[in-house]
Amino acid sequence: MTHVAPVGGTAVQDHVALAEIELCGELIIAASAADDRLSMESIDEVLRVAEERAAAREG
């Protein structure tokens, strides 16, 4: 017996997973544009680590 997913608007969106996929894409773009390996500082910049830490401190 074969099970087929129903057709229509039944897809569930996982916003956390979508955000992670977007960040991975940004890392891939940055890595492909770089001449050498990305430094930890460059990775933090792409992932906006400093912005997230500042936002956590503020609120």
N, C-alpha and C. Protein backbone atom coordinates (compact mmCIF):
# COMPACT_ATOMS: atom_id res chain seq x y z
N MET A 1 0.84 -1.18 0.00
CA MET A 1 0.00 0.00 0.00
C MET A 1 0.89 1.25 0.00
N THR A 2 0.60 2.19 -0.86
CA THR A 2 1.37 3.41 -0.98
C THR A 2 0.62 4.56 -0.33
N HIS A 3 1.35 5.34 0.49
CA HIS A 3 0.76 6.52 1.11
C HIS A 3 1.26 7.75 0.38
N VAL A 4 0.36 8.63 0.04
CA VAL A 4 0.70 9.86 -0.67
C VAL A 4 0.26 11.03 0.19
N ALA A 5 1.11 12.05 0.26
CA ALA A 5 0.76 13.24 1.03
C ALA A 5 -0.45 13.92 0.39
N PRO A 6 -1.34 14.43 1.21
CA PRO A 6 -2.51 15.11 0.66
C PRO A 6 -2.13 16.36 -0.12
N VAL A 7 -2.90 16.68 -1.11
CA VAL A 7 -2.66 17.86 -1.94
C VAL A 7 -3.41 19.03 -1.30
N GLY A 8 -2.78 20.18 -1.30
CA GLY A 8 -3.45 21.36 -0.76
C GLY A 8 -2.61 22.02 0.30
N GLY A 9 -3.18 22.96 0.99
CA GLY A 9 -2.48 23.78 1.98
C GLY A 9 -2.30 23.11 3.32
N THR A 10 -1.74 21.93 3.35
CA THR A 10 -1.56 21.22 4.61
C THR A 10 -0.12 21.29 5.12
N ALA A 11 0.75 21.97 4.41
CA ALA A 11 2.15 22.06 4.81
C ALA A 11 2.29 22.90 6.07
N VAL A 12 3.13 22.45 6.96
CA VAL A 12 3.41 23.17 8.20
C VAL A 12 4.72 23.89 8.03
N GLN A 13 4.75 25.16 8.41
CA GLN A 13 5.99 25.93 8.30
C GLN A 13 6.65 26.00 9.66
N ASP A 14 7.89 25.61 9.70
CA ASP A 14 8.68 25.70 10.92
C ASP A 14 9.57 26.93 10.75
N HIS A 15 9.23 28.01 11.44
CA HIS A 15 9.92 29.28 11.25
C HIS A 15 11.38 29.21 11.71
N VAL A 16 11.65 28.42 12.74
CA VAL A 16 13.03 28.27 13.20
C VAL A 16 13.85 27.55 12.13
N ALA A 17 13.31 26.49 11.57
CA ALA A 17 14.02 25.77 10.52
C ALA A 17 14.25 26.65 9.30
N LEU A 18 13.25 27.44 8.93
CA LEU A 18 13.40 28.34 7.79
C LEU A 18 14.49 29.38 8.04
N ALA A 19 14.57 29.90 9.27
CA ALA A 19 15.60 30.87 9.62
C ALA A 19 16.98 30.22 9.56
N GLU A 20 17.10 28.98 10.04
CA GLU A 20 18.37 28.27 9.98
C GLU A 20 18.80 28.01 8.54
N ILE A 21 17.86 27.67 7.70
CA ILE A 21 18.16 27.44 6.28
C ILE A 21 18.65 28.73 5.63
N GLU A 22 18.02 29.84 5.98
CA GLU A 22 18.44 31.13 5.43
C GLU A 22 19.87 31.47 5.87
N LEU A 23 20.19 31.24 7.14
CA LEU A 23 21.53 31.52 7.63
C LEU A 23 22.56 30.62 6.96
N CYS A 24 22.22 29.36 6.76
CA CYS A 24 23.13 28.44 6.06
C CYS A 24 23.38 28.93 4.64
N GLY A 25 22.34 29.40 3.98
CA GLY A 25 22.49 29.93 2.64
C GLY A 25 23.41 31.14 2.62
N GLU A 26 23.27 32.01 3.61
CA GLU A 26 24.14 33.18 3.68
C GLU A 26 25.59 32.78 3.92
N LEU A 27 25.80 31.74 4.74
CA LEU A 27 27.16 31.25 4.95
C LEU A 27 27.75 30.67 3.67
N ILE A 28 26.94 29.94 2.93
CA ILE A 28 27.41 29.35 1.67
C ILE A 28 27.79 30.44 0.69
N ILE A 29 26.99 31.48 0.60
CA ILE A 29 27.28 32.60 -0.31
C ILE A 29 28.58 33.28 0.11
N ALA A 30 28.73 33.54 1.41
CA ALA A 30 29.94 34.20 1.90
C ALA A 30 31.17 33.33 1.64
N ALA A 31 31.05 32.03 1.87
CA ALA A 31 32.18 31.13 1.66
C ALA A 31 32.55 31.04 0.19
N SER A 32 31.57 31.05 -0.68
CA SER A 32 31.87 30.95 -2.11
C SER A 32 32.50 32.24 -2.65
N ALA A 33 32.22 33.36 -2.00
CA ALA A 33 32.79 34.64 -2.44
C ALA A 33 34.18 34.90 -1.85
N ALA A 34 34.54 34.14 -0.82
CA ALA A 34 35.82 34.36 -0.14
C ALA A 34 36.96 33.71 -0.92
N ASP A 35 38.13 34.30 -0.78
CA ASP A 35 39.32 33.73 -1.43
C ASP A 35 39.87 32.55 -0.64
N ASP A 36 39.63 32.54 0.68
CA ASP A 36 40.17 31.52 1.56
C ASP A 36 39.06 31.11 2.53
N ARG A 37 39.39 30.30 3.49
CA ARG A 37 38.41 29.88 4.49
C ARG A 37 37.91 31.10 5.25
N LEU A 38 36.66 31.05 5.69
CA LEU A 38 36.10 32.13 6.49
C LEU A 38 36.67 32.06 7.90
N SER A 39 37.06 33.20 8.42
CA SER A 39 37.52 33.25 9.81
C SER A 39 36.31 33.19 10.73
N MET A 40 36.56 32.91 12.00
CA MET A 40 35.46 32.87 12.97
C MET A 40 34.77 34.24 13.03
N GLU A 41 35.55 35.31 12.91
CA GLU A 41 34.97 36.65 12.93
C GLU A 41 34.06 36.87 11.72
N SER A 42 34.47 36.38 10.57
CA SER A 42 33.65 36.51 9.37
C SER A 42 32.36 35.71 9.50
N ILE A 43 32.46 34.52 10.06
CA ILE A 43 31.27 33.70 10.27
C ILE A 43 30.31 34.40 11.22
N ASP A 44 30.85 34.94 12.32
CA ASP A 44 30.01 35.67 13.27
C ASP A 44 29.33 36.87 12.61
N GLU A 45 30.06 37.53 11.72
CA GLU A 45 29.49 38.68 11.02
C GLU A 45 28.33 38.26 10.12
N VAL A 46 28.53 37.17 9.37
CA VAL A 46 27.48 36.67 8.48
C VAL A 46 26.25 36.25 9.30
N LEU A 47 26.50 35.62 10.44
CA LEU A 47 25.39 35.14 11.27
C LEU A 47 24.82 36.22 12.18
N ARG A 48 25.40 37.42 12.11
CA ARG A 48 24.94 38.55 12.90
C ARG A 48 24.95 38.26 14.41
N VAL A 49 26.03 37.63 14.86
CA VAL A 49 26.16 37.25 16.27
C VAL A 49 26.19 38.48 17.16
N ALA A 50 26.97 39.50 16.78
CA ALA A 50 27.08 40.71 17.59
C ALA A 50 25.72 41.39 17.74
N GLU A 51 24.95 41.45 16.66
CA GLU A 51 23.63 42.06 16.71
C GLU A 51 22.71 41.31 17.67
N GLU A 52 22.77 39.98 17.63
CA GLU A 52 21.92 39.17 18.49
C GLU A 52 22.31 39.35 19.96
N ARG A 53 23.60 39.42 20.23
CA ARG A 53 24.06 39.62 21.62
C ARG A 53 23.63 40.98 22.12
N ALA A 54 23.74 42.01 21.28
CA ALA A 54 23.34 43.36 21.69
C ALA A 54 21.83 43.41 21.95
N ALA A 55 21.06 42.76 21.13
CA ALA A 55 19.61 42.72 21.32
C ALA A 55 19.24 41.98 22.60
N ALA A 56 19.98 40.92 22.92
CA ALA A 56 19.71 40.16 24.14
C ALA A 56 20.03 41.00 25.37
N ARG A 57 21.09 41.80 25.28
CA ARG A 57 21.44 42.67 26.42
C ARG A 57 20.39 43.75 26.64
N GLU A 58 19.83 44.28 25.56
CA GLU A 58 18.85 45.36 25.64
C GLU A 58 17.50 44.90 26.16
N GLY A 59 17.15 43.69 25.82
CA GLY A 59 15.78 43.35 26.18
C GLY A 59 15.57 42.01 26.69
